[in-house]
N, C-alpha and C. Protein backbone atom coordinates (compact mmCIF):
# COMPACT_ATOMS: atom_id res chain seq x y z
N UNK A 1 107.17 -104.37 117.96
CA UNK A 1 106.44 -103.28 117.33
C UNK A 1 107.06 -103.02 115.97
N UNK A 2 106.20 -102.80 114.99
CA UNK A 2 106.64 -102.49 113.65
C UNK A 2 105.95 -101.21 113.19
N UNK A 3 106.74 -100.22 112.78
CA UNK A 3 106.19 -98.95 112.31
C UNK A 3 105.91 -99.04 110.81
N UNK A 4 104.69 -98.61 110.40
CA UNK A 4 104.39 -98.52 108.98
C UNK A 4 104.66 -97.11 108.47
N UNK A 5 104.25 -96.12 109.25
CA UNK A 5 104.51 -94.72 108.92
C UNK A 5 104.44 -93.94 110.23
N UNK A 6 104.36 -92.62 110.15
CA UNK A 6 104.41 -91.79 111.36
C UNK A 6 103.23 -91.99 112.30
N UNK A 7 102.11 -92.51 111.81
CA UNK A 7 100.92 -92.65 112.67
C UNK A 7 100.36 -94.08 112.74
N UNK A 8 100.96 -95.02 112.03
CA UNK A 8 100.45 -96.39 112.02
C UNK A 8 101.55 -97.38 112.39
N UNK A 9 101.19 -98.34 113.23
CA UNK A 9 102.14 -99.36 113.64
C UNK A 9 101.38 -100.61 114.06
N UNK A 10 102.10 -101.71 114.15
CA UNK A 10 101.50 -102.96 114.64
C UNK A 10 102.30 -103.41 115.86
N UNK A 11 101.59 -104.01 116.80
CA UNK A 11 102.23 -104.60 117.96
C UNK A 11 101.68 -106.01 118.15
N UNK A 12 102.50 -106.86 118.70
CA UNK A 12 102.08 -108.21 119.06
C UNK A 12 102.15 -108.28 120.57
N UNK A 13 101.04 -108.63 121.19
CA UNK A 13 100.98 -108.64 122.64
C UNK A 13 100.18 -109.84 123.13
N UNK A 14 100.20 -110.05 124.41
CA UNK A 14 99.44 -111.12 125.03
C UNK A 14 98.16 -110.52 125.61
N UNK A 15 97.04 -111.07 125.25
CA UNK A 15 95.76 -110.66 125.82
C UNK A 15 95.33 -111.77 126.77
N UNK A 16 95.06 -111.41 128.00
CA UNK A 16 94.73 -112.38 129.04
C UNK A 16 93.43 -111.96 129.70
N UNK A 17 92.37 -112.72 129.46
CA UNK A 17 91.05 -112.41 130.03
C UNK A 17 90.59 -113.65 130.78
N UNK A 18 90.76 -113.60 132.09
CA UNK A 18 90.37 -114.76 132.89
C UNK A 18 91.18 -115.98 132.49
N UNK A 19 90.49 -117.07 132.13
CA UNK A 19 91.17 -118.30 131.72
C UNK A 19 91.53 -118.30 130.24
N UNK A 20 91.14 -117.28 129.54
CA UNK A 20 91.39 -117.19 128.09
C UNK A 20 92.59 -116.29 127.86
N UNK A 21 93.58 -116.79 127.15
CA UNK A 21 94.70 -115.93 126.80
C UNK A 21 95.24 -116.34 125.44
N UNK A 22 95.89 -115.42 124.82
CA UNK A 22 96.47 -115.68 123.52
C UNK A 22 97.20 -114.47 123.00
N UNK A 23 98.01 -114.68 122.03
CA UNK A 23 98.73 -113.59 121.39
C UNK A 23 97.82 -112.93 120.36
N UNK A 24 97.98 -111.63 120.25
CA UNK A 24 97.16 -110.88 119.30
C UNK A 24 98.04 -109.87 118.59
N UNK A 25 97.85 -109.76 117.28
CA UNK A 25 98.49 -108.70 116.50
C UNK A 25 97.51 -107.54 116.43
N UNK A 26 97.93 -106.38 116.88
CA UNK A 26 97.07 -105.20 116.87
C UNK A 26 97.57 -104.21 115.83
N UNK A 27 96.69 -103.81 114.95
CA UNK A 27 96.99 -102.72 114.02
C UNK A 27 96.61 -101.44 114.72
N UNK A 28 97.56 -100.54 114.90
CA UNK A 28 97.36 -99.34 115.70
C UNK A 28 97.47 -98.07 114.85
N UNK A 29 96.78 -97.05 115.33
CA UNK A 29 96.84 -95.75 114.68
C UNK A 29 96.91 -94.67 115.76
N UNK A 30 97.83 -93.75 115.60
CA UNK A 30 97.87 -92.56 116.43
C UNK A 30 96.77 -91.66 115.90
N UNK A 31 95.66 -91.57 116.63
CA UNK A 31 94.48 -90.87 116.12
C UNK A 31 94.42 -89.41 116.54
N UNK A 32 95.16 -89.05 117.58
CA UNK A 32 95.19 -87.67 118.04
C UNK A 32 96.53 -87.40 118.70
N UNK A 33 97.13 -86.27 118.39
CA UNK A 33 98.41 -85.90 119.01
C UNK A 33 98.49 -84.39 119.09
N UNK A 34 98.14 -83.87 120.25
CA UNK A 34 98.28 -82.44 120.52
C UNK A 34 99.33 -82.32 121.61
N UNK A 35 100.58 -82.45 121.21
CA UNK A 35 101.67 -82.49 122.18
C UNK A 35 101.83 -81.16 122.88
N UNK A 36 102.12 -81.15 124.15
CA UNK A 36 102.33 -82.31 125.01
C UNK A 36 101.09 -82.66 125.84
N UNK A 37 99.91 -82.23 125.43
CA UNK A 37 98.74 -82.33 126.30
C UNK A 37 97.77 -83.47 126.00
N UNK A 38 97.71 -83.95 124.78
CA UNK A 38 96.74 -84.99 124.43
C UNK A 38 97.36 -85.99 123.47
N UNK A 39 96.97 -87.25 123.66
CA UNK A 39 97.35 -88.29 122.70
C UNK A 39 96.24 -89.34 122.69
N UNK A 40 95.96 -89.87 121.52
CA UNK A 40 94.92 -90.88 121.39
C UNK A 40 95.33 -91.95 120.40
N UNK A 41 94.89 -93.17 120.67
CA UNK A 41 95.19 -94.31 119.80
C UNK A 41 93.91 -95.08 119.48
N UNK A 42 93.88 -95.67 118.30
CA UNK A 42 92.83 -96.61 117.91
C UNK A 42 93.52 -97.88 117.45
N UNK A 43 92.88 -99.01 117.68
CA UNK A 43 93.48 -100.26 117.24
C UNK A 43 92.44 -101.32 116.99
N UNK A 44 92.86 -102.36 116.28
CA UNK A 44 91.98 -103.50 116.05
C UNK A 44 92.81 -104.74 115.79
N UNK A 45 92.20 -105.88 116.07
CA UNK A 45 92.84 -107.16 115.85
C UNK A 45 91.82 -108.28 115.99
N UNK A 46 92.28 -109.50 115.94
CA UNK A 46 91.41 -110.67 116.07
C UNK A 46 92.06 -111.60 117.09
N UNK A 47 91.28 -112.04 118.09
CA UNK A 47 91.77 -113.01 119.07
C UNK A 47 90.75 -114.13 119.18
N UNK A 48 91.22 -115.34 119.08
CA UNK A 48 90.37 -116.54 119.14
C UNK A 48 89.20 -116.44 118.16
N UNK A 49 89.46 -115.86 116.99
CA UNK A 49 88.43 -115.73 115.96
C UNK A 49 87.44 -114.61 116.19
N UNK A 50 87.64 -113.83 117.25
CA UNK A 50 86.71 -112.74 117.58
C UNK A 50 87.38 -111.39 117.34
N UNK A 51 86.68 -110.48 116.63
CA UNK A 51 87.26 -109.16 116.38
C UNK A 51 87.28 -108.29 117.63
N UNK A 52 88.38 -107.56 117.79
CA UNK A 52 88.58 -106.66 118.92
C UNK A 52 88.90 -105.28 118.36
N UNK A 53 88.22 -104.25 118.85
CA UNK A 53 88.50 -102.87 118.49
C UNK A 53 88.60 -102.06 119.77
N UNK A 54 89.46 -101.06 119.78
CA UNK A 54 89.55 -100.23 120.97
C UNK A 54 90.04 -98.84 120.64
N UNK A 55 89.76 -97.93 121.57
CA UNK A 55 90.27 -96.56 121.53
C UNK A 55 90.81 -96.25 122.90
N UNK A 56 91.91 -95.53 122.96
CA UNK A 56 92.54 -95.18 124.22
C UNK A 56 93.08 -93.76 124.09
N UNK A 57 92.78 -92.92 125.08
CA UNK A 57 93.24 -91.54 125.03
C UNK A 57 93.78 -91.08 126.37
N UNK A 58 94.71 -90.16 126.32
CA UNK A 58 95.32 -89.59 127.52
C UNK A 58 95.30 -88.07 127.42
N UNK A 59 95.00 -87.41 128.54
CA UNK A 59 95.12 -85.96 128.64
C UNK A 59 96.08 -85.67 129.78
N UNK A 60 97.11 -84.90 129.50
CA UNK A 60 98.19 -84.64 130.45
C UNK A 60 98.14 -83.16 130.83
N UNK A 61 98.04 -82.90 132.16
CA UNK A 61 97.85 -81.54 132.64
C UNK A 61 98.75 -81.29 133.85
N UNK A 62 99.49 -80.16 133.87
CA UNK A 62 100.23 -79.82 135.08
C UNK A 62 99.27 -79.34 136.17
N UNK A 63 99.45 -79.87 137.40
CA UNK A 63 98.60 -79.50 138.53
C UNK A 63 99.49 -79.38 139.77
N UNK A 64 99.61 -78.17 140.30
CA UNK A 64 100.36 -77.94 141.54
C UNK A 64 101.75 -78.59 141.53
N UNK A 65 102.51 -78.35 140.50
CA UNK A 65 103.87 -78.88 140.43
C UNK A 65 103.94 -80.36 140.10
N UNK A 66 102.83 -80.99 139.84
CA UNK A 66 102.80 -82.41 139.49
C UNK A 66 102.16 -82.54 138.11
N UNK A 67 102.08 -83.75 137.63
CA UNK A 67 101.44 -84.00 136.35
C UNK A 67 100.26 -84.92 136.55
N UNK A 68 99.09 -84.48 136.11
CA UNK A 68 97.89 -85.30 136.18
C UNK A 68 97.66 -85.93 134.81
N UNK A 69 97.43 -87.23 134.81
CA UNK A 69 97.15 -87.94 133.57
C UNK A 69 95.75 -88.52 133.67
N UNK A 70 94.86 -88.01 132.85
CA UNK A 70 93.50 -88.56 132.77
C UNK A 70 93.44 -89.44 131.54
N UNK A 71 92.77 -90.57 131.66
CA UNK A 71 92.69 -91.48 130.53
C UNK A 71 91.26 -91.95 130.34
N UNK A 72 90.98 -92.34 129.15
CA UNK A 72 89.70 -92.96 128.85
C UNK A 72 89.94 -94.03 127.80
N UNK A 73 89.13 -95.04 127.84
CA UNK A 73 89.29 -96.11 126.88
C UNK A 73 87.97 -96.80 126.61
N UNK A 74 87.89 -97.37 125.46
CA UNK A 74 86.70 -98.13 125.07
C UNK A 74 87.17 -99.35 124.30
N UNK A 75 86.62 -100.51 124.67
CA UNK A 75 86.96 -101.76 124.01
C UNK A 75 85.68 -102.39 123.49
N UNK A 76 85.72 -102.84 122.25
CA UNK A 76 84.59 -103.54 121.66
C UNK A 76 85.07 -104.92 121.23
N UNK A 77 84.45 -105.93 121.79
CA UNK A 77 84.78 -107.31 121.48
C UNK A 77 83.52 -107.97 120.95
N UNK A 78 83.62 -108.62 119.82
CA UNK A 78 82.47 -109.29 119.21
C UNK A 78 82.79 -110.76 119.02
N UNK A 79 81.81 -111.51 118.57
CA UNK A 79 82.02 -112.92 118.30
C UNK A 79 81.83 -113.79 119.54
N UNK A 80 82.24 -115.04 119.43
CA UNK A 80 81.99 -116.00 120.50
C UNK A 80 82.77 -115.68 121.77
N UNK A 81 83.90 -115.00 121.67
CA UNK A 81 84.70 -114.69 122.85
C UNK A 81 83.95 -113.80 123.83
N UNK A 82 83.05 -112.96 123.34
CA UNK A 82 82.31 -112.07 124.23
C UNK A 82 81.47 -112.86 125.23
N UNK A 83 80.96 -114.01 124.82
CA UNK A 83 80.16 -114.83 125.73
C UNK A 83 81.01 -115.46 126.83
N UNK A 84 82.28 -115.72 126.52
CA UNK A 84 83.17 -116.34 127.48
C UNK A 84 83.86 -115.31 128.39
N UNK A 85 84.08 -114.10 127.89
CA UNK A 85 84.91 -113.14 128.61
C UNK A 85 84.25 -111.81 128.89
N UNK A 86 83.02 -111.61 128.50
CA UNK A 86 82.36 -110.33 128.55
C UNK A 86 82.59 -109.50 129.80
N UNK A 87 82.11 -109.92 130.96
CA UNK A 87 82.22 -109.12 132.18
C UNK A 87 83.64 -109.03 132.70
N UNK A 88 84.45 -110.05 132.43
CA UNK A 88 85.83 -110.02 132.91
C UNK A 88 86.65 -108.96 132.21
N UNK A 89 86.32 -108.64 130.97
CA UNK A 89 87.11 -107.71 130.18
C UNK A 89 87.23 -106.35 130.86
N UNK A 90 86.11 -105.79 131.32
CA UNK A 90 86.14 -104.49 131.97
C UNK A 90 86.93 -104.54 133.28
N UNK A 91 86.65 -105.54 134.10
CA UNK A 91 87.33 -105.67 135.39
C UNK A 91 88.83 -105.84 135.22
N UNK A 92 89.23 -106.75 134.34
CA UNK A 92 90.65 -107.03 134.14
C UNK A 92 91.37 -105.83 133.52
N UNK A 93 90.75 -105.16 132.57
CA UNK A 93 91.43 -104.03 131.92
C UNK A 93 91.63 -102.89 132.91
N UNK A 94 90.66 -102.63 133.76
CA UNK A 94 90.83 -101.58 134.78
C UNK A 94 91.95 -101.95 135.75
N UNK A 95 91.98 -103.20 136.18
CA UNK A 95 93.01 -103.66 137.10
C UNK A 95 94.40 -103.55 136.47
N UNK A 96 94.55 -104.04 135.25
CA UNK A 96 95.85 -104.01 134.58
C UNK A 96 96.29 -102.59 134.25
N UNK A 97 95.35 -101.72 133.88
CA UNK A 97 95.73 -100.34 133.62
C UNK A 97 96.18 -99.67 134.92
N UNK A 98 95.49 -99.97 136.01
CA UNK A 98 95.88 -99.44 137.31
C UNK A 98 97.29 -99.88 137.69
N UNK A 99 97.62 -101.14 137.43
CA UNK A 99 98.97 -101.64 137.71
C UNK A 99 100.01 -100.92 136.87
N UNK A 100 99.69 -100.67 135.59
CA UNK A 100 100.61 -99.96 134.72
C UNK A 100 100.81 -98.52 135.20
N UNK A 101 99.72 -97.87 135.61
CA UNK A 101 99.81 -96.49 136.10
C UNK A 101 100.63 -96.42 137.39
N UNK A 102 100.45 -97.39 138.29
CA UNK A 102 101.24 -97.44 139.53
C UNK A 102 102.72 -97.61 139.22
N UNK A 103 103.04 -98.47 138.27
CA UNK A 103 104.43 -98.70 137.88
C UNK A 103 105.06 -97.43 137.31
N UNK A 104 104.32 -96.74 136.46
CA UNK A 104 104.80 -95.48 135.89
C UNK A 104 105.03 -94.45 136.99
N UNK A 105 104.10 -94.37 137.93
CA UNK A 105 104.24 -93.40 139.02
C UNK A 105 105.46 -93.72 139.88
N UNK A 106 105.70 -95.00 140.20
CA UNK A 106 106.88 -95.39 140.98
C UNK A 106 108.16 -95.03 140.23
N UNK A 107 108.20 -95.27 138.94
CA UNK A 107 109.38 -94.97 138.14
C UNK A 107 109.66 -93.47 138.14
N UNK A 108 108.63 -92.67 137.91
CA UNK A 108 108.81 -91.22 137.89
C UNK A 108 109.22 -90.70 139.27
N UNK A 109 108.65 -91.26 140.34
CA UNK A 109 109.03 -90.84 141.69
C UNK A 109 110.49 -91.19 141.96
N UNK A 110 110.91 -92.40 141.56
CA UNK A 110 112.29 -92.82 141.75
C UNK A 110 113.24 -91.91 140.98
N UNK A 111 112.90 -91.57 139.76
CA UNK A 111 113.73 -90.66 138.98
C UNK A 111 113.82 -89.29 139.62
N UNK A 112 112.70 -88.83 140.17
CA UNK A 112 112.67 -87.53 140.82
C UNK A 112 113.55 -87.53 142.07
N UNK A 113 113.47 -88.59 142.89
CA UNK A 113 114.27 -88.68 144.11
C UNK A 113 115.75 -88.83 143.79
N UNK A 114 116.09 -89.57 142.75
CA UNK A 114 117.50 -89.78 142.42
C UNK A 114 118.14 -88.51 141.87
N UNK A 115 117.33 -87.58 141.39
CA UNK A 115 117.89 -86.35 140.84
C UNK A 115 117.78 -85.19 141.82
N UNK A 116 117.34 -85.46 143.07
CA UNK A 116 117.22 -84.40 144.08
C UNK A 116 118.59 -83.76 144.28
N UNK A 117 118.60 -82.45 144.27
CA UNK A 117 119.83 -81.72 144.43
C UNK A 117 120.56 -81.47 143.13
N UNK A 118 120.11 -82.08 142.08
CA UNK A 118 120.74 -81.89 140.77
C UNK A 118 119.67 -81.67 139.73
N UNK A 119 120.10 -81.55 138.52
CA UNK A 119 119.16 -81.35 137.43
C UNK A 119 118.42 -82.66 137.14
N UNK A 120 117.11 -82.57 136.99
CA UNK A 120 116.31 -83.75 136.72
C UNK A 120 116.61 -84.26 135.31
N UNK A 121 116.85 -85.55 135.21
CA UNK A 121 117.12 -86.17 133.92
C UNK A 121 116.11 -87.28 133.72
N UNK A 122 115.08 -87.01 132.96
CA UNK A 122 114.06 -88.00 132.69
C UNK A 122 114.34 -88.68 131.35
N UNK A 123 113.93 -89.94 131.24
CA UNK A 123 114.10 -90.59 129.94
C UNK A 123 113.28 -89.88 128.87
N UNK A 124 113.66 -90.06 127.64
CA UNK A 124 112.98 -89.43 126.51
C UNK A 124 111.74 -90.24 126.15
N UNK A 125 110.61 -89.95 126.83
CA UNK A 125 109.36 -90.65 126.56
C UNK A 125 108.73 -90.09 125.30
N UNK A 126 108.22 -90.94 124.47
CA UNK A 126 107.56 -90.54 123.25
C UNK A 126 106.13 -91.07 123.28
N UNK A 127 105.16 -90.17 123.15
CA UNK A 127 103.76 -90.61 123.12
C UNK A 127 103.13 -90.16 121.82
């Protein structure tokens, strides 16, 4: 990840859609930040010659002593890649986001259990 300024950065990641995969450079923007309750990102890049644009947002709300995270996202893929990966994109992104959310939940639960009886010490997450 490379920071350009307080709201713009680039990341290089692997995009894997079915049998199609490749590295992609994403230009990112922090489009909304109402800490600690809302955060939103916009990004764009090119993979296999096809332009990719997306928006991703999170709303964080305390609920009965827990934290509820609602998310929404939109991905727009154009060019020839859409014909090869169109329907897989939605299915794979939901699956992978679900895996990421499960991992985050396990980590937070483990941190909570390890601090039982003492003061909770969570890592300094920045969104």
